[in-house]
């Protein structure tokens, strides 16, 4: 009798240990998954940071090096056209004139590409000016009017926060042009004591319900760029939401909390940021608004 109880207790103990072992194994597996997810997030954050740095570098080189070479070429061609006109036949003069026109077109495209890669207004004058500039250029290129509701002044945020918000509105408007088939769009930037929010809305064909119900699928529908923006916003403690219904358009909303680490110290005023260099840049950009939307 006692022997039978011992065997029963031994079996129960073995089963209990087996269950404990299974639970521990699952916990260990969950920890490994969480560790891998965190590693992937850190890698993603680093890749986005490197991407922004590379954008700045390429934009600066296009503006300062390629742009300057094109400017020198234009001056040389103009001087040749002025001083040697009498020595050139009609065909040569026409070729020279065409070369000058082409030079101006290439210069404008290089300038636009540089600004789209990383708009200097974002660094020098802040999010409000950069958003208005991009929206104006978008309308000029696509013919899609945008109802712009952006405050004239927005407190300066950290570079990461400003870039994240700008990339969301940039990528969203690109998708409006590519997919929405809409007659108009809306851009709204707003701030509260706790957060900053950007909304981009179109009134076009929207997405199918099966896609819009799944956040991952709706993000995939809008493109790889939006997936990157989702990660940017998440890293800043915010959220990105996509609401879409067939024939009723799509609304993309990004919200970032205004924690202390994401707000630039108030001593650095907007007037200080808008130095003589910034004024010069703003004048140049106003003369050549964004007429492209490459990401």
C-alpha atoms as a PDB file:
ATOM      1  CA  UNK A   1       0.000   0.000   0.000  1.00  0.00           C
ATOM      2  CA  UNK A   2       2.747   2.408   0.982  1.00  0.00           C
ATOM      3  CA  UNK A   3       4.760   1.344  -2.051  1.00  0.00           C
ATOM      4  CA  UNK A   4       1.805   2.140  -4.293  1.00  0.00           C
ATOM      5  CA  UNK A   5       1.476   5.637  -2.786  1.00  0.00           C
ATOM      6  CA  UNK A   6       5.179   6.239  -3.289  1.00  0.00           C
ATOM      7  CA  UNK A   7       4.870   5.276  -6.945  1.00  0.00           C
ATOM      8  CA  UNK A   8       1.867   7.575  -7.330  1.00  0.00           C
ATOM      9  CA  UNK A   9       3.720  10.470  -5.682  1.00  0.00           C
ATOM     10  CA  UNK A  10       6.762   9.768  -7.831  1.00  0.00           C
ATOM     11  CA  UNK A  11       4.625   9.900 -11.003  1.00  0.00           C
ATOM     12  CA  UNK A  12       2.979  13.147  -9.895  1.00  0.00           C
ATOM     13  CA  UNK A  13       6.363  14.613  -9.083  1.00  0.00           C
ATOM     14  CA  UNK A  14       7.691  13.600 -12.491  1.00  0.00           C
ATOM     15  CA  UNK A  15       4.694  15.154 -14.239  1.00  0.00           C
ATOM     16  CA  UNK A  16       5.052  18.337 -12.210  1.00  0.00           C
ATOM     17  CA  UNK A  17       8.745  18.577 -13.062  1.00  0.00           C
ATOM     18  CA  UNK A  18       7.950  17.971 -16.717  1.00  0.00           C
ATOM     19  CA  UNK A  19       5.372  20.779 -16.674  1.00  0.00           C
ATOM     20  CA  UNK A  20       7.795  23.103 -14.926  1.00  0.00           C
ATOM     21  CA  UNK A  21      10.435  22.221 -17.517  1.00  0.00           C
ATOM     22  CA  UNK A  22       8.007  23.004 -20.347  1.00  0.00           C
ATOM     23  CA  UNK A  23       7.036  26.339 -18.764  1.00  0.00           C
ATOM     24  CA  UNK A  24      10.677  27.275 -18.266  1.00  0.00           C
ATOM     25  CA  UNK A  25      11.422  26.322 -21.866  1.00  0.00           C
ATOM     26  CA  UNK A  26       8.564  28.515 -23.106  1.00  0.00           C
ATOM     27  CA  UNK A  27       9.677  31.413 -20.919  1.00  0.00           C
ATOM     28  CA  UNK A  28      13.213  31.022 -22.191  1.00  0.00           C
ATOM     29  CA  UNK A  29      11.902  30.980 -25.756  1.00  0.00           C
ATOM     30  CA  UNK A  30       9.840  34.117 -25.129  1.00  0.00           C
ATOM     31  CA  UNK A  31      12.855  35.880 -23.686  1.00  0.00           C
ATOM     32  CA  UNK A  32      14.859  34.925 -26.764  1.00  0.00           C
ATOM     33  CA  UNK A  33      12.115  36.259 -29.033  1.00  0.00           C
ATOM     34  CA  UNK A  34      11.945  39.539 -27.082  1.00  0.00           C
ATOM     35  CA  UNK A  35      15.717  39.834 -27.204  1.00  0.00           C
ATOM     36  CA  UNK A  36      15.714  39.277 -30.965  1.00  0.00           C
ATOM     37  CA  UNK A  37      12.925  41.814 -31.449  1.00  0.00           C
ATOM     38  CA  UNK A  38      14.830  44.408 -29.443  1.00  0.00           C
ATOM     39  CA  UNK A  39      17.969  43.716 -31.456  1.00  0.00           C
ATOM     40  CA  UNK A  40      16.004  44.170 -34.681  1.00  0.00           C
ATOM     41  CA  UNK A  41      14.547  47.450 -33.405  1.00  0.00           C
ATOM     42  CA  UNK A  42      18.003  48.740 -32.520  1.00  0.00           C
ATOM     43  CA  UNK A  43      19.294  47.694 -35.923  1.00  0.00           C
ATOM     44  CA  UNK A  44      16.348  49.380 -37.624  1.00  0.00           C
ATOM     45  CA  UNK A  45      16.948  52.562 -35.643  1.00  0.00           C
ATOM     46  CA  UNK A  46      20.609  52.576 -36.621  1.00  0.00           C
ATOM     47  CA  UNK A  47      19.782  51.981 -40.298  1.00  0.00           C
ATOM     48  CA  UNK A  48      17.303  54.880 -40.292  1.00  0.00           C
ATOM     49  CA  UNK A  49      19.905  57.101 -38.648  1.00  0.00           C
ATOM     50  CA  UNK A  50      22.486  56.142 -41.271  1.00  0.00           C
ATOM     51  CA  UNK A  51      19.929  56.762 -44.000  1.00  0.00           C
ATOM     52  CA  UNK A  52      19.305  60.298 -42.733  1.00  0.00           C
ATOM     53  CA  UNK A  53      23.020  60.997 -42.483  1.00  0.00           C
ATOM     54  CA  UNK A  54      23.536  59.727 -46.035  1.00  0.00           C
ATOM     55  CA  UNK A  55      20.650  61.868 -47.283  1.00  0.00           C
ATOM     56  CA  UNK A  56      22.220  64.954 -45.717  1.00  0.00           C
ATOM     57  CA  UNK A  57      25.623  64.094 -47.185  1.00  0.00           C
ATOM     58  CA  UNK A  58      24.287  63.510 -50.707  1.00  0.00           C
ATOM     59  CA  UNK A  59      22.086  66.616 -50.553  1.00  0.00           C
ATOM     60  CA  UNK A  60      25.040  68.746 -49.463  1.00  0.00           C
ATOM     61  CA  UNK A  61      27.295  67.335 -52.204  1.00  0.00           C
ATOM     62  CA  UNK A  62      24.653  67.878 -54.876  1.00  0.00           C
ATOM     63  CA  UNK A  63      24.166  71.477 -53.781  1.00  0.00           C
ATOM     64  CA  UNK A  64      27.752  72.468 -52.994  1.00  0.00           C
ATOM     65  CA  UNK A  65      29.700  70.446 -55.570  1.00  0.00           C
ATOM     66  CA  UNK A  66      27.511  69.420 -58.501  1.00  0.00           C
ATOM     67  CA  UNK A  67      25.484  72.625 -58.315  1.00  0.00           C
ATOM     68  CA  UNK A  68      28.606  74.778 -58.300  1.00  0.00           C
ATOM     69  CA  UNK A  69      30.070  72.943 -61.290  1.00  0.00           C
ATOM     70  CA  UNK A  70      26.866  73.469 -63.236  1.00  0.00           C
ATOM     71  CA  UNK A  71      26.899  77.154 -62.293  1.00  0.00           C
ATOM     72  CA  UNK A  72      30.480  77.477 -63.579  1.00  0.00           C
ATOM     73  CA  UNK A  73      29.512  75.675 -66.786  1.00  0.00           C
ATOM     74  CA  UNK A  74      26.602  78.069 -67.276  1.00  0.00           C
ATOM     75  CA  UNK A  75      28.875  81.100 -66.881  1.00  0.00           C
ATOM     76  CA  UNK A  76      31.381  79.644 -69.343  1.00  0.00           C
ATOM     77  CA  UNK A  77      28.686  78.936 -71.931  1.00  0.00           C
ATOM     78  CA  UNK A  78      27.184  82.412 -71.472  1.00  0.00           C
ATOM     79  CA  UNK A  79      30.586  84.040 -71.906  1.00  0.00           C
ATOM     80  CA  UNK A  80      31.195  82.004 -75.066  1.00  0.00           C
ATOM     81  CA  UNK A  81      27.800  82.973 -76.429  1.00  0.00           C
ATOM     82  CA  UNK A  82      28.419  86.666 -75.737  1.00  0.00           C
ATOM     83  CA  UNK A  83      32.034  87.008 -76.867  1.00  0.00           C
ATOM     84  CA  UNK A  84      32.170  84.553 -79.739  1.00  0.00           C
ATOM     85  CA  UNK A  85      28.749  85.047 -81.261  1.00  0.00           C
ATOM     86  CA  UNK A  86      30.160  86.715 -84.380  1.00  0.00           C
ATOM     87  CA  UNK A  87      32.522  83.792 -84.982  1.00  0.00           C
ATOM     88  CA  UNK A  88      29.794  81.126 -84.767  1.00  0.00           C
ATOM     89  CA  UNK A  89      27.466  80.075 -87.546  1.00  0.00           C
ATOM     90  CA  UNK A  90      23.719  79.786 -86.956  1.00  0.00           C
ATOM     91  CA  UNK A  91      23.867  76.062 -86.209  1.00  0.00           C
ATOM     92  CA  UNK A  92      26.622  76.480 -83.616  1.00  0.00           C
ATOM     93  CA  UNK A  93      24.740  79.343 -81.954  1.00  0.00           C
ATOM     94  CA  UNK A  94      21.613  77.202 -81.748  1.00  0.00           C
ATOM     95  CA  UNK A  95      23.568  74.326 -80.179  1.00  0.00           C
ATOM     96  CA  UNK A  96      25.054  76.746 -77.660  1.00  0.00           C
ATOM     97  CA  UNK A  97      21.631  78.156 -76.787  1.00  0.00           C
ATOM     98  CA  UNK A  98      20.231  74.654 -76.341  1.00  0.00           C
ATOM     99  CA  UNK A  99      23.158  73.774 -74.083  1.00  0.00           C
ATOM    100  CA  UNK A 100      22.424  76.779 -71.864  1.00  0.00           C
ATOM    101  CA  UNK A 101      18.736  75.842 -71.603  1.00  0.00           C
ATOM    102  CA  UNK A 102      19.644  72.248 -70.740  1.00  0.00           C
ATOM    103  CA  UNK A 103      22.138  73.486 -68.140  1.00  0.00           C
ATOM    104  CA  UNK A 104      19.430  75.527 -66.426  1.00  0.00           C
ATOM    105  CA  UNK A 105      17.019  72.588 -66.430  1.00  0.00           C
ATOM    106  CA  UNK A 106      19.603  70.208 -64.964  1.00  0.00           C
ATOM    107  CA  UNK A 107      20.569  72.783 -62.336  1.00  0.00           C
ATOM    108  CA  UNK A 108      16.943  73.158 -61.277  1.00  0.00           C
ATOM    109  CA  UNK A 109      16.479  69.382 -61.074  1.00  0.00           C
ATOM    110  CA  UNK A 110      19.672  68.964 -59.034  1.00  0.00           C
ATOM    111  CA  UNK A 111      18.558  71.726 -56.674  1.00  0.00           C
ATOM    112  CA  UNK A 112      15.124  70.145 -56.242  1.00  0.00           C
ATOM    113  CA  UNK A 113      16.576  66.681 -55.677  1.00  0.00           C
ATOM    114  CA  UNK A 114      18.956  68.089 -53.071  1.00  0.00           C
ATOM    115  CA  UNK A 115      16.128  69.803 -51.212  1.00  0.00           C
ATOM    116  CA  UNK A 116      13.911  66.703 -51.324  1.00  0.00           C
ATOM    117  CA  UNK A 117      16.655  64.468 -49.960  1.00  0.00           C
ATOM    118  CA  UNK A 118      17.015  66.783 -46.995  1.00  0.00           C
ATOM    119  CA  UNK A 119      15.355  70.217 -47.121  1.00  0.00           C
ATOM    120  CA  UNK A 120      17.588  72.886 -45.569  1.00  0.00           C
ATOM    121  CA  UNK A 121      14.476  74.680 -44.327  1.00  0.00           C
ATOM    122  CA  UNK A 122      13.905  71.802 -41.918  1.00  0.00           C
ATOM    123  CA  UNK A 123      17.222  72.469 -40.181  1.00  0.00           C
ATOM    124  CA  UNK A 124      17.244  76.238 -40.456  1.00  0.00           C
ATOM    125  CA  UNK A 125      13.634  77.368 -40.058  1.00  0.00           C
ATOM    126  CA  UNK A 126      11.874  74.326 -38.666  1.00  0.00           C
ATOM    127  CA  UNK A 127       8.995  72.008 -39.400  1.00  0.00           C
ATOM    128  CA  UNK A 128       6.351  74.623 -40.209  1.00  0.00           C
ATOM    129  CA  UNK A 129       8.332  76.234 -43.048  1.00  0.00           C
ATOM    130  CA  UNK A 130       9.494  72.889 -44.431  1.00  0.00           C
ATOM    131  CA  UNK A 131       5.945  71.479 -44.454  1.00  0.00           C
ATOM    132  CA  UNK A 132       4.524  74.519 -46.230  1.00  0.00           C
ATOM    133  CA  UNK A 133       7.341  74.488 -48.788  1.00  0.00           C
ATOM    134  CA  UNK A 134       6.892  70.816 -49.572  1.00  0.00           C
ATOM    135  CA  UNK A 135       3.107  71.086 -49.872  1.00  0.00           C
ATOM    136  CA  UNK A 136       3.437  74.037 -52.285  1.00  0.00           C
ATOM    137  CA  UNK A 137       5.916  72.117 -54.434  1.00  0.00           C
ATOM    138  CA  UNK A 138       3.678  69.031 -54.398  1.00  0.00           C
ATOM    139  CA  UNK A 139       0.714  71.035 -55.695  1.00  0.00           C
ATOM    140  CA  UNK A 140       2.844  72.632 -58.406  1.00  0.00           C
ATOM    141  CA  UNK A 141       4.086  69.255 -59.624  1.00  0.00           C
ATOM    142  CA  UNK A 142       0.894  67.185 -59.387  1.00  0.00           C
ATOM    143  CA  UNK A 143      -1.861  69.758 -59.754  1.00  0.00           C
ATOM    144  CA  UNK A 144      -3.494  68.386 -56.587  1.00  0.00           C
ATOM    145  CA  UNK A 145      -4.488  71.302 -54.313  1.00  0.00           C
ATOM    146  CA  UNK A 146      -3.781  70.871 -50.604  1.00  0.00           C
ATOM    147  CA  UNK A 147      -5.763  72.428 -47.804  1.00  0.00           C
ATOM    148  CA  UNK A 148      -2.862  73.431 -45.538  1.00  0.00           C
ATOM    149  CA  UNK A 149      -3.516  73.928 -41.847  1.00  0.00           C
ATOM    150  CA  UNK A 150      -0.044  74.502 -40.401  1.00  0.00           C
ATOM    151  CA  UNK A 151       0.734  77.047 -37.657  1.00  0.00           C
ATOM    152  CA  UNK A 152       3.158  79.787 -38.628  1.00  0.00           C
ATOM    153  CA  UNK A 153       5.341  78.891 -35.674  1.00  0.00           C
ATOM    154  CA  UNK A 154       5.910  75.482 -34.110  1.00  0.00           C
ATOM    155  CA  UNK A 155       8.320  75.005 -31.238  1.00  0.00           C
ATOM    156  CA  UNK A 156      11.564  73.470 -32.405  1.00  0.00           C
ATOM    157  CA  UNK A 157      11.803  69.732 -31.789  1.00  0.00           C
ATOM    158  CA  UNK A 158      14.768  67.412 -31.751  1.00  0.00           C
ATOM    159  CA  UNK A 159      16.196  66.703 -35.242  1.00  0.00           C
ATOM    160  CA  UNK A 160      14.925  63.102 -35.073  1.00  0.00           C
ATOM    161  CA  UNK A 161      11.380  64.233 -34.277  1.00  0.00           C
ATOM    162  CA  UNK A 162      11.298  66.899 -36.992  1.00  0.00           C
ATOM    163  CA  UNK A 163      12.697  64.523 -39.607  1.00  0.00           C
ATOM    164  CA  UNK A 164      10.211  61.807 -38.627  1.00  0.00           C
ATOM    165  CA  UNK A 165       7.210  64.131 -38.965  1.00  0.00           C
ATOM    166  CA  UNK A 166       8.493  65.548 -42.253  1.00  0.00           C
ATOM    167  CA  UNK A 167       9.101  62.079 -43.726  1.00  0.00           C
ATOM    168  CA  UNK A 168       5.583  60.988 -42.780  1.00  0.00           C
ATOM    169  CA  UNK A 169       3.971  63.904 -44.602  1.00  0.00           C
ATOM    170  CA  UNK A 170       6.375  63.500 -47.538  1.00  0.00           C
ATOM    171  CA  UNK A 171       5.755  59.769 -47.997  1.00  0.00           C
ATOM    172  CA  UNK A 172       2.018  60.150 -47.438  1.00  0.00           C
ATOM    173  CA  UNK A 173       1.707  62.830 -50.117  1.00  0.00           C
ATOM    174  CA  UNK A 174       3.759  60.687 -52.490  1.00  0.00           C
ATOM    175  CA  UNK A 175       1.186  57.930 -51.990  1.00  0.00           C
ATOM    176  CA  UNK A 176      -1.649  60.393 -52.504  1.00  0.00           C
ATOM    177  CA  UNK A 177      -0.186  61.182 -55.915  1.00  0.00           C
ATOM    178  CA  UNK A 178       0.500  57.546 -56.819  1.00  0.00           C
ATOM    179  CA  UNK A 179      -2.574  55.738 -55.558  1.00  0.00           C
ATOM    180  CA  UNK A 180      -5.392  57.951 -54.298  1.00  0.00           C
ATOM    181  CA  UNK A 181      -6.849  59.349 -57.541  1.00  0.00           C
ATOM    182  CA  UNK A 182      -8.109  62.320 -55.567  1.00  0.00           C
ATOM    183  CA  UNK A 183      -9.029  65.853 -56.578  1.00  0.00           C
ATOM    184  CA  UNK A 184      -7.635  67.377 -53.390  1.00  0.00           C
ATOM    185  CA  UNK A 185      -5.853  66.588 -50.138  1.00  0.00           C
ATOM    186  CA  UNK A 186      -5.494  67.998 -46.642  1.00  0.00           C
ATOM    187  CA  UNK A 187      -2.412  68.576 -44.488  1.00  0.00           C
ATOM    188  CA  UNK A 188      -2.743  69.508 -40.837  1.00  0.00           C
ATOM    189  CA  UNK A 189      -0.061  70.020 -38.200  1.00  0.00           C
ATOM    190  CA  UNK A 190      -1.131  70.645 -34.628  1.00  0.00           C
ATOM    191  CA  UNK A 191       0.448  70.696 -31.198  1.00  0.00           C
ATOM    192  CA  UNK A 192      -0.794  70.426 -27.655  1.00  0.00           C
ATOM    193  CA  UNK A 193       1.027  70.595 -24.361  1.00  0.00           C
ATOM    194  CA  UNK A 194       1.645  66.858 -24.638  1.00  0.00           C
ATOM    195  CA  UNK A 195       2.140  65.967 -28.303  1.00  0.00           C
ATOM    196  CA  UNK A 196       2.532  66.999 -31.923  1.00  0.00           C
ATOM    197  CA  UNK A 197       0.318  65.499 -34.609  1.00  0.00           C
ATOM    198  CA  UNK A 198       0.398  65.469 -38.396  1.00  0.00           C
ATOM    199  CA  UNK A 199      -2.600  64.431 -40.493  1.00  0.00           C
ATOM    200  CA  UNK A 200      -2.565  63.799 -44.232  1.00  0.00           C
ATOM    201  CA  UNK A 201      -5.936  63.045 -45.769  1.00  0.00           C
ATOM    202  CA  UNK A 202      -7.140  62.437 -49.307  1.00  0.00           C
ATOM    203  CA  UNK A 203     -10.653  61.975 -50.685  1.00  0.00           C
ATOM    204  CA  UNK A 204      -9.860  59.369 -53.317  1.00  0.00           C
ATOM    205  CA  UNK A 205     -10.485  55.690 -53.878  1.00  0.00           C
ATOM    206  CA  UNK A 206      -9.187  54.480 -50.518  1.00  0.00           C
ATOM    207  CA  UNK A 207      -8.265  50.870 -49.816  1.00  0.00           C
ATOM    208  CA  UNK A 208     -10.171  47.618 -49.692  1.00  0.00           C
ATOM    209  CA  UNK A 209     -11.624  46.703 -46.246  1.00  0.00           C
ATOM    210  CA  UNK A 210      -9.592  43.485 -46.028  1.00  0.00           C
ATOM    211  CA  UNK A 211      -6.453  45.494 -46.341  1.00  0.00           C
ATOM    212  CA  UNK A 212      -7.353  48.439 -44.154  1.00  0.00           C
ATOM    213  CA  UNK A 213      -8.420  46.163 -41.264  1.00  0.00           C
ATOM    214  CA  UNK A 214      -4.890  44.838 -40.912  1.00  0.00           C
ATOM    215  CA  UNK A 215      -2.348  47.481 -39.871  1.00  0.00           C
ATOM    216  CA  UNK A 216       0.527  45.544 -41.395  1.00  0.00           C
ATOM    217  CA  UNK A 217      -1.271  45.004 -44.698  1.00  0.00           C
ATOM    218  CA  UNK A 218      -2.457  48.599 -44.906  1.00  0.00           C
ATOM    219  CA  UNK A 219       1.087  49.777 -44.267  1.00  0.00           C
ATOM    220  CA  UNK A 220       2.353  47.435 -46.964  1.00  0.00           C
ATOM    221  CA  UNK A 221      -0.294  48.843 -49.341  1.00  0.00           C
ATOM    222  CA  UNK A 222       1.064  52.330 -48.873  1.00  0.00           C
ATOM    223  CA  UNK A 223       4.638  51.322 -49.571  1.00  0.00           C
ATOM    224  CA  UNK A 224       7.956  50.505 -47.995  1.00  0.00           C
ATOM    225  CA  UNK A 225       8.501  54.157 -47.080  1.00  0.00           C
ATOM    226  CA  UNK A 226       5.524  54.173 -44.725  1.00  0.00           C
ATOM    227  CA  UNK A 227       6.853  51.067 -43.011  1.00  0.00           C
ATOM    228  CA  UNK A 228      10.028  53.014 -42.297  1.00  0.00           C
ATOM    229  CA  UNK A 229       7.986  55.926 -41.001  1.00  0.00           C
ATOM    230  CA  UNK A 230       6.073  53.588 -38.707  1.00  0.00           C
ATOM    231  CA  UNK A 231       9.363  52.522 -37.176  1.00  0.00           C
ATOM    232  CA  UNK A 232      10.587  56.136 -36.861  1.00  0.00           C
ATOM    233  CA  UNK A 233       7.435  57.160 -35.018  1.00  0.00           C
ATOM    234  CA  UNK A 234       7.554  54.091 -32.770  1.00  0.00           C
ATOM    235  CA  UNK A 235      11.142  54.844 -31.767  1.00  0.00           C
ATOM    236  CA  UNK A 236      10.036  58.279 -30.595  1.00  0.00           C
ATOM    237  CA  UNK A 237       7.291  56.792 -28.434  1.00  0.00           C
ATOM    238  CA  UNK A 238       4.551  57.792 -30.852  1.00  0.00           C
ATOM    239  CA  UNK A 239       2.096  55.991 -33.077  1.00  0.00           C
ATOM    240  CA  UNK A 240       1.113  56.006 -36.724  1.00  0.00           C
ATOM    241  CA  UNK A 241      -2.476  55.222 -37.706  1.00  0.00           C
ATOM    242  CA  UNK A 242      -3.966  54.578 -41.147  1.00  0.00           C
ATOM    243  CA  UNK A 243      -7.734  54.761 -41.676  1.00  0.00           C
ATOM    244  CA  UNK A 244      -9.107  54.036 -45.132  1.00  0.00           C
ATOM    245  CA  UNK A 245     -12.435  53.143 -46.717  1.00  0.00           C
ATOM    246  CA  UNK A 246     -13.227  52.415 -50.371  1.00  0.00           C
ATOM    247  CA  UNK A 247     -14.190  55.555 -52.322  1.00  0.00           C
ATOM    248  CA  UNK A 248     -13.926  57.642 -49.149  1.00  0.00           C
ATOM    249  CA  UNK A 249     -10.196  58.265 -49.041  1.00  0.00           C
ATOM    250  CA  UNK A 250      -7.381  57.609 -46.615  1.00  0.00           C
ATOM    251  CA  UNK A 251      -6.279  59.383 -43.452  1.00  0.00           C
ATOM    252  CA  UNK A 252      -2.725  58.973 -42.155  1.00  0.00           C
ATOM    253  CA  UNK A 253      -2.089  60.290 -38.642  1.00  0.00           C
ATOM    254  CA  UNK A 254       1.222  60.382 -36.803  1.00  0.00           C
ATOM    255  CA  UNK A 255       1.448  61.484 -33.182  1.00  0.00           C
ATOM    256  CA  UNK A 256       4.651  62.036 -31.199  1.00  0.00           C
ATOM    257  CA  UNK A 257       4.742  62.902 -27.491  1.00  0.00           C
ATOM    258  CA  UNK A 258       6.474  66.178 -26.661  1.00  0.00           C
ATOM    259  CA  UNK A 259       8.758  64.785 -23.983  1.00  0.00           C
ATOM    260  CA  UNK A 260      11.702  66.848 -22.773  1.00  0.00           C
ATOM    261  CA  UNK A 261      14.191  64.983 -24.948  1.00  0.00           C
ATOM    262  CA  UNK A 262      12.298  65.892 -28.118  1.00  0.00           C
ATOM    263  CA  UNK A 263      11.853  69.626 -27.560  1.00  0.00           C
ATOM    264  CA  UNK A 264      14.738  71.975 -28.267  1.00  0.00           C
ATOM    265  CA  UNK A 265      15.657  74.330 -25.426  1.00  0.00           C
ATOM    266  CA  UNK A 266      13.574  77.486 -25.603  1.00  0.00           C
ATOM    267  CA  UNK A 267      16.653  79.719 -25.372  1.00  0.00           C
ATOM    268  CA  UNK A 268      17.437  78.847 -28.981  1.00  0.00           C
ATOM    269  CA  UNK A 269      14.889  81.075 -30.635  1.00  0.00           C
ATOM    270  CA  UNK A 270      13.505  80.787 -34.110  1.00  0.00           C
ATOM    271  CA  UNK A 271      15.042  84.167 -34.880  1.00  0.00           C
ATOM    272  CA  UNK A 272      18.462  82.792 -34.079  1.00  0.00           C
ATOM    273  CA  UNK A 273      17.886  79.786 -36.313  1.00  0.00           C
ATOM    274  CA  UNK A 274      16.740  82.035 -39.127  1.00  0.00           C
ATOM    275  CA  UNK A 275      20.140  83.588 -39.666  1.00  0.00           C
ATOM    276  CA  UNK A 276      21.362  85.307 -42.811  1.00  0.00           C
ATOM    277  CA  UNK A 277      22.235  81.910 -44.257  1.00  0.00           C
ATOM    278  CA  UNK A 278      18.744  80.620 -43.635  1.00  0.00           C
ATOM    279  CA  UNK A 279      17.228  83.717 -45.243  1.00  0.00           C
ATOM    280  CA  UNK A 280      19.357  83.156 -48.323  1.00  0.00           C
ATOM    281  CA  UNK A 281      18.338  79.518 -48.489  1.00  0.00           C
ATOM    282  CA  UNK A 282      14.661  80.354 -48.056  1.00  0.00           C
ATOM    283  CA  UNK A 283      14.860  82.857 -50.922  1.00  0.00           C
ATOM    284  CA  UNK A 284      16.460  80.267 -53.165  1.00  0.00           C
ATOM    285  CA  UNK A 285      13.852  77.652 -52.280  1.00  0.00           C
ATOM    286  CA  UNK A 286      10.988  80.089 -52.796  1.00  0.00           C
ATOM    287  CA  UNK A 287      12.307  80.716 -56.313  1.00  0.00           C
ATOM    288  CA  UNK A 288      12.486  76.984 -56.986  1.00  0.00           C
ATOM    289  CA  UNK A 289       9.756  75.133 -55.040  1.00  0.00           C
ATOM    290  CA  UNK A 290       9.778  71.364 -54.819  1.00  0.00           C
ATOM    291  CA  UNK A 291       8.566  69.973 -58.113  1.00  0.00           C
ATOM    292  CA  UNK A 292       9.275  66.354 -57.381  1.00  0.00           C
ATOM    293  CA  UNK A 293       8.477  63.816 -54.678  1.00  0.00           C
ATOM    294  CA  UNK A 294      11.135  61.162 -54.696  1.00  0.00           C
ATOM    295  CA  UNK A 295      11.807  59.501 -51.399  1.00  0.00           C
END
